[in-house]
PDB file of N, CA and C in Angstrom:
ATOM      1  N   UNK A   1       1.635 -38.070 -81.908  1.00  0.00           N
ATOM      2  CA  UNK A   1       0.331 -38.723 -81.929  1.00  0.00           C
ATOM      3  C   UNK A   1       0.019 -39.155 -83.356  1.00  0.00           C
ATOM      4  N   UNK A   2      -0.030 -40.394 -83.612  1.00  0.00           N
ATOM      5  CA  UNK A   2      -0.363 -40.908 -84.932  1.00  0.00           C
ATOM      6  C   UNK A   2      -1.794 -41.425 -84.899  1.00  0.00           C
ATOM      7  N   UNK A   3      -2.662 -40.753 -85.624  1.00  0.00           N
ATOM      8  CA  UNK A   3      -4.071 -41.133 -85.562  1.00  0.00           C
ATOM      9  C   UNK A   3      -4.571 -41.789 -86.841  1.00  0.00           C
ATOM     10  N   UNK A   4      -3.759 -41.792 -87.879  1.00  0.00           N
ATOM     11  CA  UNK A   4      -4.184 -42.428 -89.117  1.00  0.00           C
ATOM     12  C   UNK A   4      -5.063 -41.562 -89.998  1.00  0.00           C
ATOM     13  N   UNK A   5      -5.020 -40.246 -89.818  1.00  0.00           N
ATOM     14  CA  UNK A   5      -5.844 -39.353 -90.630  1.00  0.00           C
ATOM     15  C   UNK A   5      -5.173 -38.954 -91.937  1.00  0.00           C
ATOM     16  N   UNK A   6      -3.861 -38.985 -92.006  1.00  0.00           N
ATOM     17  CA  UNK A   6      -3.131 -38.530 -93.198  1.00  0.00           C
ATOM     18  C   UNK A   6      -3.489 -39.405 -94.396  1.00  0.00           C
ATOM     19  N   UNK A   7      -3.793 -38.736 -95.512  1.00  0.00           N
ATOM     20  CA  UNK A   7      -4.128 -39.434 -96.749  1.00  0.00           C
ATOM     21  C   UNK A   7      -5.608 -39.730 -96.895  1.00  0.00           C
ATOM     22  N   UNK A   8      -6.386 -39.413 -95.883  1.00  0.00           N
ATOM     23  CA  UNK A   8      -7.820 -39.719 -95.936  1.00  0.00           C
ATOM     24  C   UNK A   8      -8.627 -38.504 -96.387  1.00  0.00           C
ATOM     25  N   UNK A   9      -9.803 -38.734 -96.963  1.00  0.00           N
ATOM     26  CA  UNK A   9     -10.676 -37.613 -97.359  1.00  0.00           C
ATOM     27  C   UNK A   9     -11.085 -36.794 -96.136  1.00  0.00           C
ATOM     28  N   UNK A  10     -11.045 -35.474 -96.271  1.00  0.00           N
ATOM     29  CA  UNK A  10     -11.336 -34.586 -95.161  1.00  0.00           C
ATOM     30  C   UNK A  10     -12.760 -34.752 -94.639  1.00  0.00           C
ATOM     31  N   UNK A  11     -13.726 -34.968 -95.514  1.00  0.00           N
ATOM     32  CA  UNK A  11     -15.108 -35.057 -95.035  1.00  0.00           C
ATOM     33  C   UNK A  11     -15.285 -36.234 -94.073  1.00  0.00           C
ATOM     34  N   UNK A  12     -14.553 -37.320 -94.275  1.00  0.00           N
ATOM     35  CA  UNK A  12     -14.616 -38.465 -93.357  1.00  0.00           C
ATOM     36  C   UNK A  12     -13.942 -38.133 -92.029  1.00  0.00           C
ATOM     37  N   UNK A  13     -12.767 -37.531 -92.122  1.00  0.00           N
ATOM     38  CA  UNK A  13     -12.006 -37.188 -90.921  1.00  0.00           C
ATOM     39  C   UNK A  13     -12.774 -36.174 -90.079  1.00  0.00           C
ATOM     40  N   UNK A  14     -13.333 -35.163 -90.726  1.00  0.00           N
ATOM     41  CA  UNK A  14     -14.069 -34.126 -90.005  1.00  0.00           C
ATOM     42  C   UNK A  14     -15.267 -34.712 -89.261  1.00  0.00           C
ATOM     43  N   UNK A  15     -15.975 -35.639 -89.880  1.00  0.00           N
ATOM     44  CA  UNK A  15     -17.107 -36.288 -89.208  1.00  0.00           C
ATOM     45  C   UNK A  15     -16.643 -37.039 -87.964  1.00  0.00           C
ATOM     46  N   UNK A  16     -15.529 -37.755 -88.075  1.00  0.00           N
ATOM     47  CA  UNK A  16     -14.994 -38.495 -86.930  1.00  0.00           C
ATOM     48  C   UNK A  16     -14.601 -37.554 -85.798  1.00  0.00           C
ATOM     49  N   UNK A  17     -13.932 -36.465 -86.140  1.00  0.00           N
ATOM     50  CA  UNK A  17     -13.501 -35.507 -85.127  1.00  0.00           C
ATOM     51  C   UNK A  17     -14.695 -34.877 -84.421  1.00  0.00           C
ATOM     52  N   UNK A  18     -15.695 -34.481 -85.193  1.00  0.00           N
ATOM     53  CA  UNK A  18     -16.872 -33.852 -84.606  1.00  0.00           C
ATOM     54  C   UNK A  18     -17.641 -34.818 -83.714  1.00  0.00           C
ATOM     55  N   UNK A  19     -17.796 -36.048 -84.153  1.00  0.00           N
ATOM     56  CA  UNK A  19     -18.547 -37.014 -83.347  1.00  0.00           C
ATOM     57  C   UNK A  19     -17.794 -37.383 -82.067  1.00  0.00           C
ATOM     58  N   UNK A  20     -16.464 -37.293 -82.095  1.00  0.00           N
ATOM     59  CA  UNK A  20     -15.668 -37.593 -80.903  1.00  0.00           C
ATOM     60  C   UNK A  20     -15.434 -36.354 -80.035  1.00  0.00           C
ATOM     61  N   UNK A  21     -15.872 -35.194 -80.519  1.00  0.00           N
ATOM     62  CA  UNK A  21     -15.706 -33.959 -79.751  1.00  0.00           C
ATOM     63  C   UNK A  21     -14.261 -33.480 -79.675  1.00  0.00           C
ATOM     64  N   UNK A  22     -13.473 -33.785 -80.688  1.00  0.00           N
ATOM     65  CA  UNK A  22     -12.057 -33.397 -80.714  1.00  0.00           C
ATOM     66  C   UNK A  22     -11.913 -32.025 -81.366  1.00  0.00           C
ATOM     67  N   UNK A  23     -11.172 -31.145 -80.679  1.00  0.00           N
ATOM     68  CA  UNK A  23     -10.916 -29.810 -81.237  1.00  0.00           C
ATOM     69  C   UNK A  23      -9.886 -29.904 -82.353  1.00  0.00           C
ATOM     70  N   UNK A  24     -10.104 -29.113 -83.406  1.00  0.00           N
ATOM     71  CA  UNK A  24      -9.169 -29.143 -84.534  1.00  0.00           C
ATOM     72  C   UNK A  24      -9.146 -27.808 -85.251  1.00  0.00           C
ATOM     73  N   UNK A  25      -8.078 -27.600 -85.984  1.00  0.00           N
ATOM     74  CA  UNK A  25      -7.920 -26.443 -86.864  1.00  0.00           C
ATOM     75  C   UNK A  25      -7.512 -26.980 -88.220  1.00  0.00           C
ATOM     76  N   UNK A  26      -7.897 -26.257 -89.271  1.00  0.00           N
ATOM     77  CA  UNK A  26      -7.506 -26.704 -90.608  1.00  0.00           C
ATOM     78  C   UNK A  26      -6.942 -25.550 -91.418  1.00  0.00           C
ATOM     79  N   UNK A  27      -6.050 -25.899 -92.304  1.00  0.00           N
ATOM     80  CA  UNK A  27      -5.450 -24.951 -93.243  1.00  0.00           C
ATOM     81  C   UNK A  27      -5.440 -25.638 -94.596  1.00  0.00           C
ATOM     82  N   UNK A  28      -5.815 -24.914 -95.635  1.00  0.00           N
ATOM     83  CA  UNK A  28      -5.836 -25.492 -96.978  1.00  0.00           C
ATOM     84  C   UNK A  28      -4.643 -24.959 -97.750  1.00  0.00           C
ATOM     85  N   UNK A  29      -3.857 -25.868 -98.302  1.00  0.00           N
ATOM     86  CA  UNK A  29      -2.720 -25.472 -99.119  1.00  0.00           C
ATOM     87  C   UNK A  29      -3.116 -25.594-100.589  1.00  0.00           C
ATOM     88  N   UNK A  30      -2.564 -24.701-101.381  1.00  0.00           N
ATOM     89  CA  UNK A  30      -2.872 -24.688-102.821  1.00  0.00           C
ATOM     90  C   UNK A  30      -1.576 -24.658-103.620  1.00  0.00           C
ATOM     91  N   UNK A  31      -1.614 -25.202-104.831  1.00  0.00           N
ATOM     92  CA  UNK A  31      -0.408 -25.143-105.670  1.00  0.00           C
ATOM     93  C   UNK A  31      -0.056 -23.692-105.982  1.00  0.00           C
ATOM     94  N   UNK A  32       1.230 -23.424-106.112  1.00  0.00           N
ATOM     95  CA  UNK A  32       1.655 -22.061-106.433  1.00  0.00           C
ATOM     96  C   UNK A  32       1.458 -21.745-107.914  1.00  0.00           C
ATOM     97  N   UNK A  33       1.348 -22.786-108.727  1.00  0.00           N
ATOM     98  CA  UNK A  33       1.093 -22.607-110.165  1.00  0.00           C
ATOM     99  C   UNK A  33      -0.209 -23.300-110.516  1.00  0.00           C
ATOM    100  N   UNK A  34      -0.787 -22.916-111.639  1.00  0.00           N
ATOM    101  CA  UNK A  34      -2.054 -23.532-112.052  1.00  0.00           C
ATOM    102  C   UNK A  34      -1.848 -24.629-113.098  1.00  0.00           C
ATOM    103  N   UNK A  35      -0.670 -25.243-113.106  1.00  0.00           N
ATOM    104  CA  UNK A  35      -0.367 -26.296-114.073  1.00  0.00           C
ATOM    105  C   UNK A  35      -1.249 -27.519-113.852  1.00  0.00           C
ATOM    106  N   UNK A  36      -1.464 -27.850-112.576  1.00  0.00           N
ATOM    107  CA  UNK A  36      -2.307 -28.992-112.240  1.00  0.00           C
ATOM    108  C   UNK A  36      -3.708 -28.513-111.880  1.00  0.00           C
ATOM    109  N   UNK A  37      -4.700 -29.145-112.490  1.00  0.00           N
ATOM    110  CA  UNK A  37      -6.085 -28.849-112.186  1.00  0.00           C
ATOM    111  C   UNK A  37      -6.430 -29.507-110.852  1.00  0.00           C
ATOM    112  N   UNK A  38      -7.073 -28.767-109.952  1.00  0.00           N
ATOM    113  CA  UNK A  38      -7.480 -29.344-108.671  1.00  0.00           C
ATOM    114  C   UNK A  38      -8.973 -29.121-108.463  1.00  0.00           C
ATOM    115  N   UNK A  39      -9.572 -30.018-107.706  1.00  0.00           N
ATOM    116  CA  UNK A  39     -10.986 -29.919-107.371  1.00  0.00           C
ATOM    117  C   UNK A  39     -11.090 -29.701-105.871  1.00  0.00           C
ATOM    118  N   UNK A  40     -11.340 -28.463-105.459  1.00  0.00           N
ATOM    119  CA  UNK A  40     -11.344 -28.117-104.044  1.00  0.00           C
ATOM    120  C   UNK A  40     -12.545 -28.658-103.286  1.00  0.00           C
ATOM    121  N   UNK A  41     -13.459 -29.316-103.976  1.00  0.00           N
ATOM    122  CA  UNK A  41     -14.560 -29.985-103.279  1.00  0.00           C
ATOM    123  C   UNK A  41     -14.082 -31.276-102.639  1.00  0.00           C
ATOM    124  N   UNK A  42     -12.953 -31.790-103.094  1.00  0.00           N
ATOM    125  CA  UNK A  42     -12.411 -33.061-102.600  1.00  0.00           C
ATOM    126  C   UNK A  42     -11.083 -32.813-101.903  1.00  0.00           C
ATOM    127  N   UNK A  43     -11.155 -32.511-100.610  1.00  0.00           N
ATOM    128  CA  UNK A  43      -9.960 -32.238 -99.825  1.00  0.00           C
ATOM    129  C   UNK A  43      -9.480 -33.505 -99.127  1.00  0.00           C
ATOM    130  N   UNK A  44      -8.167 -33.620 -99.033  1.00  0.00           N
ATOM    131  CA  UNK A  44      -7.536 -34.750 -98.356  1.00  0.00           C
ATOM    132  C   UNK A  44      -6.574 -34.228 -97.300  1.00  0.00           C
ATOM    133  N   UNK A  45      -6.373 -35.010 -96.241  1.00  0.00           N
ATOM    134  CA  UNK A  45      -5.443 -34.635 -95.180  1.00  0.00           C
ATOM    135  C   UNK A  45      -4.021 -34.890 -95.670  1.00  0.00           C
ATOM    136  N   UNK A  46      -3.246 -33.833 -95.687  1.00  0.00           N
ATOM    137  CA  UNK A  46      -1.865 -33.905 -96.147  1.00  0.00           C
ATOM    138  C   UNK A  46      -0.896 -34.013 -94.974  1.00  0.00           C
ATOM    139  N   UNK A  47      -1.205 -33.298 -93.892  1.00  0.00           N
ATOM    140  CA  UNK A  47      -0.321 -33.268 -92.730  1.00  0.00           C
ATOM    141  C   UNK A  47      -1.173 -33.115 -91.476  1.00  0.00           C
ATOM    142  N   UNK A  48      -0.659 -33.665 -90.386  1.00  0.00           N
ATOM    143  CA  UNK A  48      -1.371 -33.595 -89.119  1.00  0.00           C
ATOM    144  C   UNK A  48      -0.364 -33.430 -87.987  1.00  0.00           C
ATOM    145  N   UNK A  49      -0.724 -32.601 -87.015  1.00  0.00           N
ATOM    146  CA  UNK A  49       0.095 -32.489 -85.811  1.00  0.00           C
ATOM    147  C   UNK A  49      -0.778 -32.016 -84.663  1.00  0.00           C
ATOM    148  N   UNK A  50      -0.265 -32.171 -83.458  1.00  0.00           N
ATOM    149  CA  UNK A  50      -1.003 -31.738 -82.281  1.00  0.00           C
ATOM    150  C   UNK A  50      -0.382 -30.449 -81.769  1.00  0.00           C
ATOM    151  N   UNK A  51      -1.219 -29.453 -81.505  1.00  0.00           N
ATOM    152  CA  UNK A  51      -0.730 -28.179 -80.999  1.00  0.00           C
ATOM    153  C   UNK A  51      -0.385 -28.314 -79.519  1.00  0.00           C
ATOM    154  N   UNK A  52       0.402 -27.380 -78.983  1.00  0.00           N
ATOM    155  CA  UNK A  52       0.714 -27.410 -77.554  1.00  0.00           C
ATOM    156  C   UNK A  52      -0.546 -27.314 -76.675  1.00  0.00           C
ATOM    157  N   UNK A  53      -1.599 -26.709 -77.209  1.00  0.00           N
ATOM    158  CA  UNK A  53      -2.855 -26.576 -76.470  1.00  0.00           C
ATOM    159  C   UNK A  53      -3.682 -27.864 -76.500  1.00  0.00           C
ATOM    160  N   UNK A  54      -3.278 -28.808 -77.348  1.00  0.00           N
ATOM    161  CA  UNK A  54      -3.966 -30.094 -77.393  1.00  0.00           C
ATOM    162  C   UNK A  54      -4.889 -30.321 -78.580  1.00  0.00           C
ATOM    163  N   UNK A  55      -5.166 -29.270 -79.360  1.00  0.00           N
ATOM    164  CA  UNK A  55      -6.028 -29.478 -80.526  1.00  0.00           C
ATOM    165  C   UNK A  55      -5.201 -30.059 -81.674  1.00  0.00           C
ATOM    166  N   UNK A  56      -5.873 -30.700 -82.605  1.00  0.00           N
ATOM    167  CA  UNK A  56      -5.204 -31.238 -83.780  1.00  0.00           C
ATOM    168  C   UNK A  56      -5.176 -30.171 -84.870  1.00  0.00           C
ATOM    169  N   UNK A  57      -4.077 -30.098 -85.566  1.00  0.00           N
ATOM    170  CA  UNK A  57      -3.931 -29.151 -86.667  1.00  0.00           C
ATOM    171  C   UNK A  57      -3.716 -29.949 -87.945  1.00  0.00           C
ATOM    172  N   UNK A  58      -4.500 -29.603 -88.968  1.00  0.00           N
ATOM    173  CA  UNK A  58      -4.443 -30.328 -90.231  1.00  0.00           C
ATOM    174  C   UNK A  58      -4.095 -29.392 -91.372  1.00  0.00           C
ATOM    175  N   UNK A  59      -3.300 -29.889 -92.306  1.00  0.00           N
ATOM    176  CA  UNK A  59      -3.064 -29.215 -93.584  1.00  0.00           C
ATOM    177  C   UNK A  59      -3.773 -30.066 -94.624  1.00  0.00           C
ATOM    178  N   UNK A  60      -4.659 -29.427 -95.388  1.00  0.00           N
ATOM    179  CA  UNK A  60      -5.467 -30.119 -96.391  1.00  0.00           C
ATOM    180  C   UNK A  60      -5.042 -29.688 -97.785  1.00  0.00           C
ATOM    181  N   UNK A  61      -5.198 -30.597 -98.729  1.00  0.00           N
ATOM    182  CA  UNK A  61      -4.908 -30.299-100.135  1.00  0.00           C
ATOM    183  C   UNK A  61      -6.043 -30.849-100.979  1.00  0.00           C
ATOM    184  N   UNK A  62      -6.312 -30.163-102.074  1.00  0.00           N
ATOM    185  CA  UNK A  62      -7.356 -30.606-102.990  1.00  0.00           C
ATOM    186  C   UNK A  62      -6.830 -31.724-103.885  1.00  0.00           C
ATOM    187  N   UNK A  63      -7.744 -32.567-104.294  1.00  0.00           N
ATOM    188  CA  UNK A  63      -7.379 -33.667-105.187  1.00  0.00           C
ATOM    189  C   UNK A  63      -7.007 -33.120-106.557  1.00  0.00           C
ATOM    190  N   UNK A  64      -5.947 -33.653-107.112  1.00  0.00           N
ATOM    191  CA  UNK A  64      -5.513 -33.282-108.453  1.00  0.00           C
ATOM    192  C   UNK A  64      -6.374 -34.049-109.458  1.00  0.00           C
ATOM    193  N   UNK A  65      -6.898 -33.331-110.438  1.00  0.00           N
ATOM    194  CA  UNK A  65      -7.763 -33.963-111.435  1.00  0.00           C
ATOM    195  C   UNK A  65      -7.101 -34.055-112.800  1.00  0.00           C
ATOM    196  N   UNK A  66      -5.839 -33.707-112.880  1.00  0.00           N
ATOM    197  CA  UNK A  66      -5.127 -33.815-114.157  1.00  0.00           C
ATOM    198  C   UNK A  66      -4.316 -32.583-114.466  1.00  0.00           C
ATOM    199  N   UNK A  67      -3.752 -32.570-115.642  1.00  0.00           N
ATOM    200  CA  UNK A  67      -2.923 -31.457-116.089  1.00  0.00           C
ATOM    201  C   UNK A  67      -3.759 -30.609-117.030  1.00  0.00           C
ATOM    202  N   UNK A  68      -3.670 -29.308-116.852  1.00  0.00           N
ATOM    203  CA  UNK A  68      -4.381 -28.401-117.747  1.00  0.00           C
ATOM    204  C   UNK A  68      -3.762 -28.469-119.140  1.00  0.00           C
ATOM    205  N   UNK A  69      -4.578 -28.450-120.174  1.00  0.00           N
ATOM    206  CA  UNK A  69      -4.016 -28.456-121.520  1.00  0.00           C
ATOM    207  C   UNK A  69      -3.224 -27.177-121.765  1.00  0.00           C
ATOM    208  N   UNK A  70      -2.143 -27.313-122.432  1.00  0.00           N
ATOM    209  CA  UNK A  70      -1.348 -26.112-122.604  1.00  0.00           C
ATOM    210  C   UNK A  70      -0.560 -26.202-123.832  1.00  0.00           C
TER     211      UNK A  70
END
């Protein structure tokens, strides 16, 4: 199922899903190192798939805001 959600801001996607009454689950992925500064207020859809039960499952990532000085 390709819905065109990948790469879009989560707040937009979530509004669309809620208004359409679509069930969904979300998971937030984070960098394993703190080399890149991220702003978790700005989440984007990184991955999307449909579960066997029919709900959409999303992996979200925070926007990178630059490299930490080091």
